[in-house]
Amino acid sequence: MMRVYLVRHGNAIAGDDDIVRPLSREGIEEVTRVARFLKECSCDVENVYHSIRVRARQTAEIIHEELKIKKPLIEKQGLSPNDRIEKIADFIEQQKQDIMLVGHMPFMGSLLSLLVSGEANRNLVAFPTGGVAILEKKHGVWLIASVIDPDNF
Protein backbone atom coordinates (compact mmCIF):
# COMPACT_ATOMS: atom_id res chain seq x y z
CA MET A 1 0.00 0.00 0.00
CA MET A 2 1.42 3.33 -1.02
CA ARG A 3 0.74 6.62 0.74
CA VAL A 4 0.92 10.19 -0.47
CA TYR A 5 1.00 13.01 2.05
CA LEU A 6 -0.41 16.24 0.61
CA VAL A 7 0.60 19.17 2.80
CA ARG A 8 -0.58 22.75 2.60
CA HIS A 9 2.09 25.19 3.77
CA GLY A 10 1.71 26.83 7.15
CA ASN A 11 0.28 30.29 7.75
CA ALA A 12 2.42 32.92 6.01
CA ILE A 13 3.19 36.59 6.53
CA ALA A 14 1.25 38.87 4.19
CA GLY A 15 3.22 40.50 1.41
CA ASP A 16 3.18 41.66 -2.18
CA ASP A 17 5.74 39.19 -3.55
CA ASP A 18 3.96 35.86 -3.23
CA ILE A 19 7.05 33.76 -4.00
CA VAL A 20 9.13 35.03 -1.05
CA ARG A 21 6.46 35.26 1.67
CA PRO A 22 7.80 33.33 4.71
CA LEU A 23 5.88 31.45 7.39
CA SER A 24 4.52 33.51 10.24
CA ARG A 25 5.22 32.55 13.85
CA GLU A 26 1.76 30.96 13.89
CA GLY A 27 2.62 29.04 10.71
CA ILE A 28 5.84 27.70 12.20
CA GLU A 29 3.95 26.58 15.31
CA GLU A 30 1.14 24.85 13.40
CA VAL A 31 3.54 23.01 11.09
CA THR A 32 5.65 21.95 14.07
CA ARG A 33 2.56 20.49 15.79
CA VAL A 34 1.60 18.57 12.67
CA ALA A 35 5.19 17.33 12.15
CA ARG A 36 5.31 16.00 15.72
CA PHE A 37 1.98 14.24 15.21
CA LEU A 38 3.25 12.67 11.97
CA LYS A 39 6.34 11.47 13.83
CA GLU A 40 4.18 9.87 16.54
CA CYS A 41 2.20 8.10 13.80
CA SER A 42 5.45 6.69 12.34
CA CYS A 43 5.13 8.62 9.09
CA ASP A 44 7.73 7.03 6.82
CA VAL A 45 8.27 8.99 3.64
CA GLU A 46 11.35 8.63 1.53
CA ASN A 47 11.14 11.91 -0.40
CA VAL A 48 9.68 15.31 0.41
CA TYR A 49 8.95 17.61 -2.53
CA HIS A 50 8.04 21.27 -2.13
CA SER A 51 7.07 24.16 -4.38
CA ILE A 52 9.43 27.00 -5.26
CA ARG A 53 7.73 29.35 -2.79
CA VAL A 54 9.50 30.13 0.50
CA ARG A 55 6.59 29.23 2.79
CA ALA A 56 6.31 25.75 1.24
CA ARG A 57 10.07 25.18 1.54
CA GLN A 58 10.01 26.26 5.19
CA THR A 59 7.05 23.94 5.86
CA ALA A 60 8.91 21.06 4.22
CA GLU A 61 12.07 21.85 6.23
CA ILE A 62 10.23 21.68 9.55
CA ILE A 63 8.60 18.34 8.70
CA HIS A 64 11.80 16.95 7.16
CA GLU A 65 13.78 17.77 10.30
CA GLU A 66 11.16 16.46 12.74
CA LEU A 67 10.79 13.17 10.84
CA LYS A 68 14.57 12.86 10.42
CA ILE A 69 14.29 12.02 6.74
CA LYS A 70 17.67 11.07 5.34
CA LYS A 71 17.24 12.14 1.72
CA PRO A 72 17.49 15.89 1.00
CA LEU A 73 14.43 18.00 0.29
CA ILE A 74 13.53 18.34 -3.38
CA GLU A 75 12.23 21.56 -4.90
CA LYS A 76 9.71 20.61 -7.57
CA GLN A 77 8.17 22.73 -10.29
CA GLY A 78 4.43 22.37 -10.74
CA LEU A 79 3.27 22.63 -7.10
CA SER A 80 2.34 26.33 -7.12
CA PRO A 81 -1.20 27.55 -6.43
CA ASN A 82 -2.54 27.63 -9.98
CA ASP A 83 -0.31 25.08 -11.72
CA ARG A 84 -1.88 22.33 -13.80
CA ILE A 85 -2.36 19.23 -11.68
CA GLU A 86 -2.13 16.52 -14.34
CA LYS A 87 1.69 16.42 -14.44
CA ILE A 88 1.94 15.98 -10.68
CA ALA A 89 -0.85 13.39 -10.68
CA ASP A 90 1.12 11.43 -13.29
CA PHE A 91 4.29 11.85 -11.23
CA ILE A 92 2.53 10.44 -8.15
CA GLU A 93 1.28 7.43 -10.12
CA GLN A 94 4.89 6.58 -11.09
CA GLN A 95 6.12 6.47 -7.49
CA LYS A 96 6.76 3.20 -5.65
CA GLN A 97 7.49 4.60 -2.16
CA ASP A 98 5.50 6.88 0.15
CA ILE A 99 6.08 10.54 -0.71
CA MET A 100 5.15 13.96 0.63
CA LEU A 101 4.24 16.98 -1.47
CA VAL A 102 4.17 20.44 0.12
CA GLY A 103 2.27 23.08 -1.80
CA HIS A 104 -0.60 25.51 -1.91
CA MET A 105 -4.31 25.95 -2.39
CA PRO A 106 -6.16 25.62 -4.66
CA PHE A 107 -3.61 23.20 -6.19
CA MET A 108 -3.56 20.67 -3.33
CA GLY A 109 -7.36 20.48 -3.12
CA SER A 110 -7.67 19.98 -6.87
CA LEU A 111 -4.91 17.34 -6.90
CA LEU A 112 -6.58 15.39 -4.11
CA SER A 113 -9.93 15.59 -5.87
CA LEU A 114 -8.49 14.38 -9.17
CA LEU A 115 -6.71 11.42 -7.56
CA VAL A 116 -9.67 10.33 -5.43
CA SER A 117 -12.65 11.10 -7.66
CA GLY A 118 -11.21 11.61 -11.14
CA GLU A 119 -12.55 15.18 -11.15
CA ALA A 120 -10.34 18.12 -10.19
CA ASN A 121 -13.15 20.54 -9.41
CA ARG A 122 -14.69 18.63 -6.50
CA ASN A 123 -14.04 20.10 -3.08
CA LEU A 124 -13.47 16.92 -1.04
CA VAL A 125 -11.27 18.21 1.80
CA ALA A 126 -10.92 21.53 3.59
CA PHE A 127 -7.17 22.21 3.69
CA PRO A 128 -6.33 24.58 6.56
CA THR A 129 -2.88 26.11 6.56
CA GLY A 130 -0.48 23.47 7.82
CA GLY A 131 -3.03 20.76 7.08
CA VAL A 132 -2.21 17.32 5.70
CA ALA A 133 -4.31 14.88 3.71
CA ILE A 134 -3.02 11.32 3.64
CA LEU A 135 -4.04 9.27 0.64
CA GLU A 136 -3.61 5.52 0.39
CA LYS A 137 -3.68 3.52 -2.81
CA LYS A 138 -5.54 0.24 -2.31
CA HIS A 139 -6.37 -2.09 -5.17
CA GLY A 140 -5.48 0.64 -7.67
CA VAL A 141 -7.76 3.27 -6.13
CA TRP A 142 -6.77 6.34 -4.11
CA LEU A 143 -8.65 6.73 -0.82
CA ILE A 144 -8.53 9.49 1.79
CA ALA A 145 -7.02 7.74 4.80
CA SER A 146 -6.81 10.74 7.10
CA VAL A 147 -6.94 14.51 7.27
CA ILE A 148 -4.82 16.33 9.84
CA ASP A 149 -5.81 19.79 11.02
CA PRO A 150 -3.16 21.61 13.10
CA ASP A 151 -5.90 23.27 15.16
CA ASN A 152 -6.70 19.85 16.65
CA PHE A 153 -3.37 19.71 18.48
C-alpha atoms as a PDB file:
ATOM      1  CA  MET A   1       0.000   0.000   0.000  1.00  0.00           C
ATOM      2  CA  MET A   2       1.419   3.334  -1.020  1.00  0.00           C
ATOM      3  CA  ARG A   3       0.740   6.618   0.745  1.00  0.00           C
ATOM      4  CA  VAL A   4       0.923  10.188  -0.467  1.00  0.00           C
ATOM      5  CA  TYR A   5       1.003  13.009   2.054  1.00  0.00           C
ATOM      6  CA  LEU A   6      -0.409  16.238   0.613  1.00  0.00           C
ATOM      7  CA  VAL A   7       0.605  19.169   2.797  1.00  0.00           C
ATOM      8  CA  ARG A   8      -0.577  22.754   2.596  1.00  0.00           C
ATOM      9  CA  HIS A   9       2.087  25.186   3.768  1.00  0.00           C
ATOM     10  CA  GLY A  10       1.706  26.830   7.152  1.00  0.00           C
ATOM     11  CA  ASN A  11       0.277  30.291   7.748  1.00  0.00           C
ATOM     12  CA  ALA A  12       2.424  32.917   6.010  1.00  0.00           C
ATOM     13  CA  ILE A  13       3.190  36.586   6.531  1.00  0.00           C
ATOM     14  CA  ALA A  14       1.246  38.872   4.191  1.00  0.00           C
ATOM     15  CA  GLY A  15       3.219  40.503   1.409  1.00  0.00           C
ATOM     16  CA  ASP A  16       3.182  41.659  -2.182  1.00  0.00           C
ATOM     17  CA  ASP A  17       5.742  39.189  -3.553  1.00  0.00           C
ATOM     18  CA  ASP A  18       3.956  35.860  -3.234  1.00  0.00           C
ATOM     19  CA  ILE A  19       7.050  33.762  -3.996  1.00  0.00           C
ATOM     20  CA  VAL A  20       9.130  35.028  -1.054  1.00  0.00           C
ATOM     21  CA  ARG A  21       6.463  35.255   1.672  1.00  0.00           C
ATOM     22  CA  PRO A  22       7.803  33.325   4.711  1.00  0.00           C
ATOM     23  CA  LEU A  23       5.883  31.445   7.387  1.00  0.00           C
ATOM     24  CA  SER A  24       4.520  33.512  10.241  1.00  0.00           C
ATOM     25  CA  ARG A  25       5.223  32.547  13.846  1.00  0.00           C
ATOM     26  CA  GLU A  26       1.757  30.962  13.894  1.00  0.00           C
ATOM     27  CA  GLY A  27       2.616  29.043  10.714  1.00  0.00           C
ATOM     28  CA  ILE A  28       5.836  27.704  12.204  1.00  0.00           C
ATOM     29  CA  GLU A  29       3.946  26.583  15.309  1.00  0.00           C
ATOM     30  CA  GLU A  30       1.136  24.853  13.404  1.00  0.00           C
ATOM     31  CA  VAL A  31       3.541  23.015  11.092  1.00  0.00           C
ATOM     32  CA  THR A  32       5.654  21.948  14.072  1.00  0.00           C
ATOM     33  CA  ARG A  33       2.563  20.493  15.795  1.00  0.00           C
ATOM     34  CA  VAL A  34       1.605  18.568  12.669  1.00  0.00           C
ATOM     35  CA  ALA A  35       5.185  17.329  12.154  1.00  0.00           C
ATOM     36  CA  ARG A  36       5.309  16.003  15.718  1.00  0.00           C
ATOM     37  CA  PHE A  37       1.983  14.244  15.211  1.00  0.00           C
ATOM     38  CA  LEU A  38       3.247  12.670  11.973  1.00  0.00           C
ATOM     39  CA  LYS A  39       6.335  11.473  13.834  1.00  0.00           C
ATOM     40  CA  GLU A  40       4.178   9.874  16.544  1.00  0.00           C
ATOM     41  CA  CYS A  41       2.205   8.105  13.795  1.00  0.00           C
ATOM     42  CA  SER A  42       5.446   6.691  12.341  1.00  0.00           C
ATOM     43  CA  CYS A  43       5.130   8.616   9.089  1.00  0.00           C
ATOM     44  CA  ASP A  44       7.729   7.030   6.822  1.00  0.00           C
ATOM     45  CA  VAL A  45       8.271   8.994   3.642  1.00  0.00           C
ATOM     46  CA  GLU A  46      11.348   8.634   1.530  1.00  0.00           C
ATOM     47  CA  ASN A  47      11.142  11.908  -0.400  1.00  0.00           C
ATOM     48  CA  VAL A  48       9.683  15.309   0.405  1.00  0.00           C
ATOM     49  CA  TYR A  49       8.953  17.609  -2.527  1.00  0.00           C
ATOM     50  CA  HIS A  50       8.039  21.272  -2.130  1.00  0.00           C
ATOM     51  CA  SER A  51       7.073  24.162  -4.375  1.00  0.00           C
ATOM     52  CA  ILE A  52       9.426  26.999  -5.265  1.00  0.00           C
ATOM     53  CA  ARG A  53       7.728  29.351  -2.791  1.00  0.00           C
ATOM     54  CA  VAL A  54       9.503  30.134   0.496  1.00  0.00           C
ATOM     55  CA  ARG A  55       6.593  29.226   2.789  1.00  0.00           C
ATOM     56  CA  ALA A  56       6.313  25.751   1.236  1.00  0.00           C
ATOM     57  CA  ARG A  57      10.074  25.185   1.538  1.00  0.00           C
ATOM     58  CA  GLN A  58      10.006  26.259   5.191  1.00  0.00           C
ATOM     59  CA  THR A  59       7.050  23.944   5.863  1.00  0.00           C
ATOM     60  CA  ALA A  60       8.913  21.064   4.217  1.00  0.00           C
ATOM     61  CA  GLU A  61      12.072  21.847   6.226  1.00  0.00           C
ATOM     62  CA  ILE A  62      10.231  21.682   9.552  1.00  0.00           C
ATOM     63  CA  ILE A  63       8.600  18.340   8.702  1.00  0.00           C
ATOM     64  CA  HIS A  64      11.799  16.955   7.159  1.00  0.00           C
ATOM     65  CA  GLU A  65      13.782  17.773  10.298  1.00  0.00           C
ATOM     66  CA  GLU A  66      11.163  16.458  12.745  1.00  0.00           C
ATOM     67  CA  LEU A  67      10.792  13.173  10.841  1.00  0.00           C
ATOM     68  CA  LYS A  68      14.573  12.857  10.424  1.00  0.00           C
ATOM     69  CA  ILE A  69      14.287  12.023   6.741  1.00  0.00           C
ATOM     70  CA  LYS A  70      17.675  11.069   5.338  1.00  0.00           C
ATOM     71  CA  LYS A  71      17.239  12.142   1.719  1.00  0.00           C
ATOM     72  CA  PRO A  72      17.488  15.887   0.998  1.00  0.00           C
ATOM     73  CA  LEU A  73      14.427  18.001   0.290  1.00  0.00           C
ATOM     74  CA  ILE A  74      13.529  18.342  -3.379  1.00  0.00           C
ATOM     75  CA  GLU A  75      12.231  21.564  -4.900  1.00  0.00           C
ATOM     76  CA  LYS A  76       9.705  20.610  -7.573  1.00  0.00           C
ATOM     77  CA  GLN A  77       8.167  22.732 -10.292  1.00  0.00           C
ATOM     78  CA  GLY A  78       4.427  22.369 -10.736  1.00  0.00           C
ATOM     79  CA  LEU A  79       3.269  22.632  -7.100  1.00  0.00           C
ATOM     80  CA  SER A  80       2.343  26.326  -7.123  1.00  0.00           C
ATOM     81  CA  PRO A  81      -1.202  27.550  -6.427  1.00  0.00           C
ATOM     82  CA  ASN A  82      -2.537  27.629  -9.977  1.00  0.00           C
ATOM     83  CA  ASP A  83      -0.310  25.075 -11.719  1.00  0.00           C
ATOM     84  CA  ARG A  84      -1.876  22.326 -13.804  1.00  0.00           C
ATOM     85  CA  ILE A  85      -2.363  19.225 -11.680  1.00  0.00           C
ATOM     86  CA  GLU A  86      -2.128  16.521 -14.340  1.00  0.00           C
ATOM     87  CA  LYS A  87       1.690  16.420 -14.437  1.00  0.00           C
ATOM     88  CA  ILE A  88       1.944  15.983 -10.685  1.00  0.00           C
ATOM     89  CA  ALA A  89      -0.852  13.395 -10.679  1.00  0.00           C
ATOM     90  CA  ASP A  90       1.120  11.427 -13.290  1.00  0.00           C
ATOM     91  CA  PHE A  91       4.295  11.850 -11.227  1.00  0.00           C
ATOM     92  CA  ILE A  92       2.534  10.438  -8.155  1.00  0.00           C
ATOM     93  CA  GLU A  93       1.279   7.433 -10.117  1.00  0.00           C
ATOM     94  CA  GLN A  94       4.887   6.581 -11.091  1.00  0.00           C
ATOM     95  CA  GLN A  95       6.115   6.465  -7.488  1.00  0.00           C
ATOM     96  CA  LYS A  96       6.764   3.204  -5.650  1.00  0.00           C
ATOM     97  CA  GLN A  97       7.493   4.601  -2.160  1.00  0.00           C
ATOM     98  CA  ASP A  98       5.504   6.876   0.152  1.00  0.00           C
ATOM     99  CA  ILE A  99       6.082  10.543  -0.713  1.00  0.00           C
ATOM    100  CA  MET A 100       5.147  13.955   0.627  1.00  0.00           C
ATOM    101  CA  LEU A 101       4.238  16.984  -1.472  1.00  0.00           C
ATOM    102  CA  VAL A 102       4.166  20.439   0.124  1.00  0.00           C
ATOM    103  CA  GLY A 103       2.270  23.077  -1.799  1.00  0.00           C
ATOM    104  CA  HIS A 104      -0.601  25.510  -1.908  1.00  0.00           C
ATOM    105  CA  MET A 105      -4.311  25.946  -2.391  1.00  0.00           C
ATOM    106  CA  PRO A 106      -6.163  25.621  -4.656  1.00  0.00           C
ATOM    107  CA  PHE A 107      -3.611  23.200  -6.190  1.00  0.00           C
ATOM    108  CA  MET A 108      -3.565  20.671  -3.329  1.00  0.00           C
ATOM    109  CA  GLY A 109      -7.355  20.477  -3.122  1.00  0.00           C
ATOM    110  CA  SER A 110      -7.668  19.982  -6.874  1.00  0.00           C
ATOM    111  CA  LEU A 111      -4.912  17.343  -6.904  1.00  0.00           C
ATOM    112  CA  LEU A 112      -6.576  15.386  -4.106  1.00  0.00           C
ATOM    113  CA  SER A 113      -9.934  15.594  -5.869  1.00  0.00           C
ATOM    114  CA  LEU A 114      -8.487  14.379  -9.165  1.00  0.00           C
ATOM    115  CA  LEU A 115      -6.713  11.425  -7.555  1.00  0.00           C
ATOM    116  CA  VAL A 116      -9.671  10.327  -5.425  1.00  0.00           C
ATOM    117  CA  SER A 117     -12.654  11.104  -7.661  1.00  0.00           C
ATOM    118  CA  GLY A 118     -11.213  11.611 -11.138  1.00  0.00           C
ATOM    119  CA  GLU A 119     -12.548  15.178 -11.148  1.00  0.00           C
ATOM    120  CA  ALA A 120     -10.338  18.120 -10.187  1.00  0.00           C
ATOM    121  CA  ASN A 121     -13.152  20.542  -9.413  1.00  0.00           C
ATOM    122  CA  ARG A 122     -14.693  18.627  -6.500  1.00  0.00           C
ATOM    123  CA  ASN A 123     -14.043  20.095  -3.076  1.00  0.00           C
ATOM    124  CA  LEU A 124     -13.470  16.920  -1.041  1.00  0.00           C
ATOM    125  CA  VAL A 125     -11.266  18.214   1.796  1.00  0.00           C
ATOM    126  CA  ALA A 126     -10.915  21.527   3.591  1.00  0.00           C
ATOM    127  CA  PHE A 127      -7.173  22.215   3.690  1.00  0.00           C
ATOM    128  CA  PRO A 128      -6.334  24.582   6.561  1.00  0.00           C
ATOM    129  CA  THR A 129      -2.884  26.109   6.564  1.00  0.00           C
ATOM    130  CA  GLY A 130      -0.478  23.471   7.824  1.00  0.00           C
ATOM    131  CA  GLY A 131      -3.035  20.761   7.083  1.00  0.00           C
ATOM    132  CA  VAL A 132      -2.207  17.324   5.703  1.00  0.00           C
ATOM    133  CA  ALA A 133      -4.313  14.879   3.706  1.00  0.00           C
ATOM    134  CA  ILE A 134      -3.022  11.319   3.641  1.00  0.00           C
ATOM    135  CA  LEU A 135      -4.043   9.270   0.635  1.00  0.00           C
ATOM    136  CA  GLU A 136      -3.612   5.515   0.388  1.00  0.00           C
ATOM    137  CA  LYS A 137      -3.681   3.523  -2.805  1.00  0.00           C
ATOM    138  CA  LYS A 138      -5.535   0.243  -2.313  1.00  0.00           C
ATOM    139  CA  HIS A 139      -6.367  -2.085  -5.172  1.00  0.00           C
ATOM    140  CA  GLY A 140      -5.475   0.637  -7.669  1.00  0.00           C
ATOM    141  CA  VAL A 141      -7.757   3.265  -6.133  1.00  0.00           C
ATOM    142  CA  TRP A 142      -6.770   6.338  -4.105  1.00  0.00           C
ATOM    143  CA  LEU A 143      -8.653   6.734  -0.825  1.00  0.00           C
ATOM    144  CA  ILE A 144      -8.528   9.488   1.786  1.00  0.00           C
ATOM    145  CA  ALA A 145      -7.016   7.737   4.800  1.00  0.00           C
ATOM    146  CA  SER A 146      -6.810  10.737   7.101  1.00  0.00           C
ATOM    147  CA  VAL A 147      -6.937  14.510   7.272  1.00  0.00           C
ATOM    148  CA  ILE A 148      -4.818  16.328   9.843  1.00  0.00           C
ATOM    149  CA  ASP A 149      -5.808  19.793  11.020  1.00  0.00           C
ATOM    150  CA  PRO A 150      -3.162  21.615  13.098  1.00  0.00           C
ATOM    151  CA  ASP A 151      -5.896  23.269  15.162  1.00  0.00           C
ATOM    152  CA  ASN A 152      -6.702  19.851  16.653  1.00  0.00           C
ATOM    153  CA  PHE A 153      -3.369  19.710  18.484  1.00  0.00           C
END
